[in-house]
C-alpha atoms as a PDB file:
ATOM      1  CA  MET A   1     197.220-151.442 201.145  1.00  0.00           C
ATOM      2  CA  LEU A   2     197.216-149.562 197.833  1.00  0.00           C
ATOM      3  CA  ASP A   3     197.847-146.296 199.697  1.00  0.00           C
ATOM      4  CA  ASP A   4     200.985-147.838 201.250  1.00  0.00           C
ATOM      5  CA  VAL A   5     202.262-148.910 197.824  1.00  0.00           C
ATOM      6  CA  VAL A   6     201.613-145.466 196.369  1.00  0.00           C
ATOM      7  CA  ALA A   7     203.316-143.812 199.364  1.00  0.00           C
ATOM      8  CA  GLU A   8     206.358-146.076 198.890  1.00  0.00           C
ATOM      9  CA  ASP A   9     206.476-145.263 195.158  1.00  0.00           C
ATOM     10  CA  VAL A  10     206.277-141.522 195.855  1.00  0.00           C
ATOM     11  CA  SER A  11     208.944-141.826 198.536  1.00  0.00           C
ATOM     12  CA  ALA A  12     211.254-143.770 196.199  1.00  0.00           C
ATOM     13  CA  TRP A  13     210.647-141.266 193.389  1.00  0.00           C
ATOM     14  CA  ARG A  14     211.391-138.324 195.689  1.00  0.00           C
ATOM     15  CA  ALA A  15     214.613-139.968 196.922  1.00  0.00           C
ATOM     16  CA  ALA A  16     215.732-140.586 193.318  1.00  0.00           C
ATOM     17  CA  PHE A  17     214.856-136.997 192.368  1.00  0.00           C
ATOM     18  CA  ASP A  18     216.800-135.689 195.393  1.00  0.00           C
ATOM     19  CA  GLU A  19     219.814-137.776 194.355  1.00  0.00           C
ATOM     20  CA  VAL A  20     219.742-136.458 190.787  1.00  0.00           C
ATOM     21  CA  PHE A  21     219.242-132.884 191.906  1.00  0.00           C
ATOM     22  CA  ALA A  22     222.119-133.136 194.387  1.00  0.00           C
ATOM     23  CA  GLY A  23     224.361-133.931 191.409  1.00  0.00           C
ATOM     24  CA  ILE A  24     223.419-130.749 189.571  1.00  0.00           C
ATOM     25  CA  ALA A  25     222.597-128.302 192.391  1.00  0.00           C
ATOM     26  CA  GLY A  26     226.150-126.941 192.416  1.00  0.00           C
ATOM     27  CA  MET A  27     225.640-125.594 188.886  1.00  0.00           C
ATOM     28  CA  PHE A  28     223.390-122.923 190.351  1.00  0.00           C
ATOM     29  CA  GLY A  29     225.497-120.478 192.341  1.00  0.00           C
ATOM     30  CA  ARG A  30     222.742-118.990 194.461  1.00  0.00           C
ATOM     31  CA  ALA A  31     220.277-120.721 196.776  1.00  0.00           C
ATOM     32  CA  GLU A  32     217.405-118.919 195.070  1.00  0.00           C
ATOM     33  CA  SER A  33     218.512-120.237 191.663  1.00  0.00           C
ATOM     34  CA  ARG A  34     218.734-123.759 193.077  1.00  0.00           C
ATOM     35  CA  ARG A  35     215.166-123.482 194.404  1.00  0.00           C
ATOM     36  CA  TRP A  36     213.899-122.279 191.027  1.00  0.00           C
ATOM     37  CA  ALA A  37     215.818-125.006 189.202  1.00  0.00           C
ATOM     38  CA  ARG A  38     214.210-127.600 191.452  1.00  0.00           C
ATOM     39  CA  SER A  39     210.753-126.080 190.878  1.00  0.00           C
ATOM     40  CA  TYR A  40     211.348-125.993 187.125  1.00  0.00           C
ATOM     41  CA  LEU A  41     212.357-129.666 187.010  1.00  0.00           C
ATOM     42  CA  THR A  42     209.428-130.621 189.228  1.00  0.00           C
ATOM     43  CA  GLY A  43     207.103-128.856 186.803  1.00  0.00           C
ATOM     44  CA  LEU A  44     208.702-130.513 183.775  1.00  0.00           C
ATOM     45  CA  LEU A  45     208.214-133.938 185.329  1.00  0.00           C
ATOM     46  CA  ALA A  46     204.601-133.232 186.320  1.00  0.00           C
ATOM     47  CA  PRO A  47     201.752-134.754 184.300  1.00  0.00           C
ATOM     48  CA  VAL A  48     200.550-131.466 182.838  1.00  0.00           C
ATOM     49  CA  GLU A  49     199.362-131.197 179.263  1.00  0.00           C
ATOM     50  CA  ARG A  50     201.122-127.955 178.346  1.00  0.00           C
ATOM     51  CA  LYS A  51     204.604-127.116 179.579  1.00  0.00           C
ATOM     52  CA  ASN A  52     204.488-123.320 179.712  1.00  0.00           C
ATOM     53  CA  SER A  53     205.506-121.120 182.640  1.00  0.00           C
ATOM     54  CA  TRP A  54     202.002-120.938 184.089  1.00  0.00           C
ATOM     55  CA  GLN A  55     201.439-124.718 184.099  1.00  0.00           C
ATOM     56  CA  LEU A  56     205.007-125.504 185.256  1.00  0.00           C
ATOM     57  CA  SER A  57     204.690-123.037 188.114  1.00  0.00           C
ATOM     58  CA  ASP A  58     201.305-124.464 189.115  1.00  0.00           C
ATOM     59  CA  ALA A  59     202.646-128.028 189.008  1.00  0.00           C
ATOM     60  CA  ALA A  60     205.621-127.009 191.179  1.00  0.00           C
ATOM     61  CA  GLY A  61     203.344-125.297 193.708  1.00  0.00           C
ATOM     62  CA  VAL A  62     204.479-121.779 192.834  1.00  0.00           C
ATOM     63  CA  VAL A  63     202.008-118.905 192.441  1.00  0.00           C
ATOM     64  CA  GLY A  64     202.380-117.237 189.038  1.00  0.00           C
ATOM     65  CA  PRO A  65     205.059-117.627 186.367  1.00  0.00           C
ATOM     66  CA  ASP A  66     207.201-114.541 187.114  1.00  0.00           C
ATOM     67  CA  GLY A  67     209.825-116.227 189.289  1.00  0.00           C
ATOM     68  CA  LEU A  68     210.236-119.133 186.896  1.00  0.00           C
ATOM     69  CA  GLN A  69     210.480-116.812 183.893  1.00  0.00           C
ATOM     70  CA  HIS A  70     213.107-114.737 185.696  1.00  0.00           C
ATOM     71  CA  PHE A  71     215.078-117.917 186.454  1.00  0.00           C
ATOM     72  CA  LEU A  72     214.939-119.100 182.834  1.00  0.00           C
ATOM     73  CA  ASN A  73     215.728-115.725 181.284  1.00  0.00           C
ATOM     74  CA  ARG A  74     218.205-114.127 183.675  1.00  0.00           C
ATOM     75  CA  SER A  75     219.869-116.715 185.919  1.00  0.00           C
ATOM     76  CA  ARG A  76     223.390-117.823 185.092  1.00  0.00           C
ATOM     77  CA  TRP A  77     223.694-121.535 184.368  1.00  0.00           C
ATOM     78  CA  ASP A  78     225.005-123.619 181.512  1.00  0.00           C
ATOM     79  CA  ALA A  79     222.235-125.594 179.793  1.00  0.00           C
ATOM     80  CA  ASP A  80     224.720-127.750 177.847  1.00  0.00           C
ATOM     81  CA  GLU A  81     226.605-128.680 181.020  1.00  0.00           C
ATOM     82  CA  LEU A  82     223.313-129.488 182.743  1.00  0.00           C
ATOM     83  CA  ARG A  83     222.255-131.665 179.811  1.00  0.00           C
ATOM     84  CA  ASP A  84     225.601-133.519 179.902  1.00  0.00           C
ATOM     85  CA  ARG A  85     225.408-134.121 183.663  1.00  0.00           C
ATOM     86  CA  LEU A  86     221.855-135.400 183.455  1.00  0.00           C
ATOM     87  CA  ARG A  87     222.686-137.566 180.438  1.00  0.00           C
ATOM     88  CA  SER A  88     225.613-139.062 182.339  1.00  0.00           C
ATOM     89  CA  TYR A  89     223.475-139.780 185.396  1.00  0.00           C
ATOM     90  CA  VAL A  90     220.596-141.283 183.438  1.00  0.00           C
ATOM     91  CA  THR A  91     222.899-143.473 181.361  1.00  0.00           C
ATOM     92  CA  THR A  92     224.805-144.915 184.300  1.00  0.00           C
ATOM     93  CA  ALA A  93     221.587-145.318 186.312  1.00  0.00           C
ATOM     94  CA  MET A  94     219.953-147.269 183.467  1.00  0.00           C
ATOM     95  CA  ILE A  95     222.965-149.545 183.034  1.00  0.00           C
ATOM     96  CA  ALA A  96     223.242-150.125 186.798  1.00  0.00           C
ATOM     97  CA  ARG A  97     219.544-150.922 187.053  1.00  0.00           C
ATOM     98  CA  THR A  98     219.765-153.316 184.108  1.00  0.00           C
ATOM     99  CA  VAL A  99     222.763-155.151 185.562  1.00  0.00           C
ATOM    100  CA  SER A 100     221.118-155.272 189.012  1.00  0.00           C
ATOM    101  CA  ALA A 101     218.036-156.858 187.422  1.00  0.00           C
ATOM    102  CA  GLY A 102     220.237-159.733 186.247  1.00  0.00           C
ATOM    103  CA  VAL A 103     220.237-158.846 182.561  1.00  0.00           C
ATOM    104  CA  THR A 104     223.492-159.992 181.011  1.00  0.00           C
ATOM    105  CA  ALA A 105     225.077-158.247 178.072  1.00  0.00           C
ATOM    106  CA  GLY A 106     228.369-158.783 176.300  1.00  0.00           C
ATOM    107  CA  TRP A 107     229.100-155.069 176.141  1.00  0.00           C
ATOM    108  CA  VAL A 108     227.770-151.514 176.313  1.00  0.00           C
ATOM    109  CA  ALA A 109     227.717-149.414 173.130  1.00  0.00           C
ATOM    110  CA  ALA A 110     227.204-145.657 172.781  1.00  0.00           C
ATOM    111  CA  ASP A 111     227.763-142.816 170.339  1.00  0.00           C
ATOM    112  CA  SER A 112     230.126-139.883 170.793  1.00  0.00           C
ATOM    113  CA  ALA A 113     227.676-137.908 172.934  1.00  0.00           C
ATOM    114  CA  TYR A 114     228.260-140.575 175.580  1.00  0.00           C
ATOM    115  CA  GLY A 115     231.773-141.597 174.532  1.00  0.00           C
ATOM    116  CA  ARG A 116     233.161-138.195 175.515  1.00  0.00           C
ATOM    117  CA  ASP A 117     231.978-138.831 179.056  1.00  0.00           C
ATOM    118  CA  GLY A 118     234.914-140.161 181.063  1.00  0.00           C
ATOM    119  CA  LYS A 119     232.496-140.996 183.872  1.00  0.00           C
ATOM    120  CA  LEU A 120     230.686-143.517 181.679  1.00  0.00           C
ATOM    121  CA  ARG A 121     233.970-145.232 180.792  1.00  0.00           C
ATOM    122  CA  ALA A 122     235.017-145.257 184.466  1.00  0.00           C
ATOM    123  CA  PHE A 123     231.580-146.613 185.442  1.00  0.00           C
ATOM    124  CA  CYS A 124     231.882-149.486 182.947  1.00  0.00           C
ATOM    125  CA  GLU A 125     235.463-150.241 183.949  1.00  0.00           C
ATOM    126  CA  ALA A 126     234.618-150.279 187.667  1.00  0.00           C
ATOM    127  CA  ARG A 127     231.898-152.848 186.988  1.00  0.00           C
ATOM    128  CA  ARG A 128     234.079-154.804 184.557  1.00  0.00           C
ATOM    129  CA  LEU A 129     231.622-154.161 181.718  1.00  0.00           C
ATOM    130  CA  SER A 130     233.100-154.282 178.241  1.00  0.00           C
ATOM    131  CA  TYR A 131     232.229-151.216 176.190  1.00  0.00           C
ATOM    132  CA  VAL A 132     232.430-149.753 172.707  1.00  0.00           C
ATOM    133  CA  LEU A 133     232.067-145.972 172.724  1.00  0.00           C
ATOM    134  CA  GLU A 134     232.428-143.643 169.783  1.00  0.00           C
ATOM    135  CA  VAL A 135     234.831-140.821 170.625  1.00  0.00           C
ATOM    136  CA  PRO A 136     236.061-137.775 168.702  1.00  0.00           C
ATOM    137  CA  VAL A 137     239.509-138.216 167.116  1.00  0.00           C
ATOM    138  CA  ARG A 138     240.985-135.589 169.454  1.00  0.00           C
ATOM    139  CA  GLN A 139     239.814-137.478 172.547  1.00  0.00           C
ATOM    140  CA  THR A 140     242.585-138.821 174.757  1.00  0.00           C
ATOM    141  CA  VAL A 141     242.323-142.292 176.232  1.00  0.00           C
ATOM    142  CA  ASN A 142     244.540-144.490 178.360  1.00  0.00           C
ATOM    143  CA  ASP A 143     247.101-146.508 176.426  1.00  0.00           C
ATOM    144  CA  LEU A 144     249.429-149.123 177.865  1.00  0.00           C
ATOM    145  CA  ASP A 145     252.123-146.476 178.281  1.00  0.00           C
ATOM    146  CA  GLY A 146     250.162-143.315 179.058  1.00  0.00           C
ATOM    147  CA  ARG A 147     247.405-141.220 177.547  1.00  0.00           C
ATOM    148  CA  ARG A 148     247.162-140.837 173.789  1.00  0.00           C
ATOM    149  CA  ARG A 149     244.862-139.139 171.340  1.00  0.00           C
ATOM    150  CA  VAL A 150     242.547-141.542 169.537  1.00  0.00           C
ATOM    151  CA  ASP A 151     243.785-140.509 166.091  1.00  0.00           C
ATOM    152  CA  THR A 152     247.373-141.252 167.186  1.00  0.00           C
ATOM    153  CA  LEU A 153     246.408-144.734 168.353  1.00  0.00           C
ATOM    154  CA  VAL A 154     244.459-145.409 165.165  1.00  0.00           C
ATOM    155  CA  GLY A 155     247.462-144.278 163.100  1.00  0.00           C
ATOM    156  CA  ARG A 156     249.732-146.735 164.923  1.00  0.00           C
ATOM    157  CA  ALA A 157     247.664-149.772 163.954  1.00  0.00           C
ATOM    158  CA  PRO A 158     248.815-151.725 160.886  1.00  0.00           C
ATOM    159  CA  ALA A 159     246.631-151.397 157.786  1.00  0.00           C
ATOM    160  CA  GLY A 160     245.577-155.049 158.056  1.00  0.00           C
ATOM    161  CA  ALA A 161     244.104-154.447 161.514  1.00  0.00           C
ATOM    162  CA  TRP A 162     241.055-152.685 160.078  1.00  0.00           C
ATOM    163  CA  HIS A 163     238.000-154.305 158.540  1.00  0.00           C
ATOM    164  CA  ARG A 164     235.214-152.126 157.173  1.00  0.00           C
ATOM    165  CA  VAL A 165     231.747-153.148 158.346  1.00  0.00           C
ATOM    166  CA  SER A 166     228.653-151.328 157.149  1.00  0.00           C
ATOM    167  CA  ALA A 167     226.188-150.026 159.699  1.00  0.00           C
ATOM    168  CA  GLY A 168     223.562-149.912 156.969  1.00  0.00           C
ATOM    169  CA  LEU A 169     222.820-147.843 153.886  1.00  0.00           C
ATOM    170  CA  GLY A 170     223.053-144.141 154.716  1.00  0.00           C
ATOM    171  CA  GLU A 171     224.212-144.729 158.289  1.00  0.00           C
ATOM    172  CA  ARG A 172     227.352-143.499 160.035  1.00  0.00           C
ATOM    173  CA  GLY A 173     229.814-145.978 161.420  1.00  0.00           C
END
């Protein structure tokens, strides 16, 4: 019985990993780079004490660290873009899982790292979730009559529309 539960958990984990990886695989132009990226992520997620090339390679089932080191040092891929894509996926997955579990919330809040992500806004809008997202002043958002920069919209509001609220001593916001 326990073996069946463990097998189901592993199967569900693998399916979730495959889904996430499918969303980022296109960032790696060559099949070999995609394989190494998958091995690298598998190693990072493995329960190994030290996360160096030897242990990551072992955890991913690869003999020796050379291929992984070559991937990390010489392959062409954008770490910032990868981070943003994964952040976007994890954020929307967490919100979806929370809503599916029946947790009710008045709104979703996030800082500018998430506010820049149009996918997060679209995700919230599609699910009719209210949201408050910090965005850079140069960000464009939908207005009633088109797209406008945030600083333009803020400048249009009458002075009495704003009320300063402290986020706490020494905090932004």
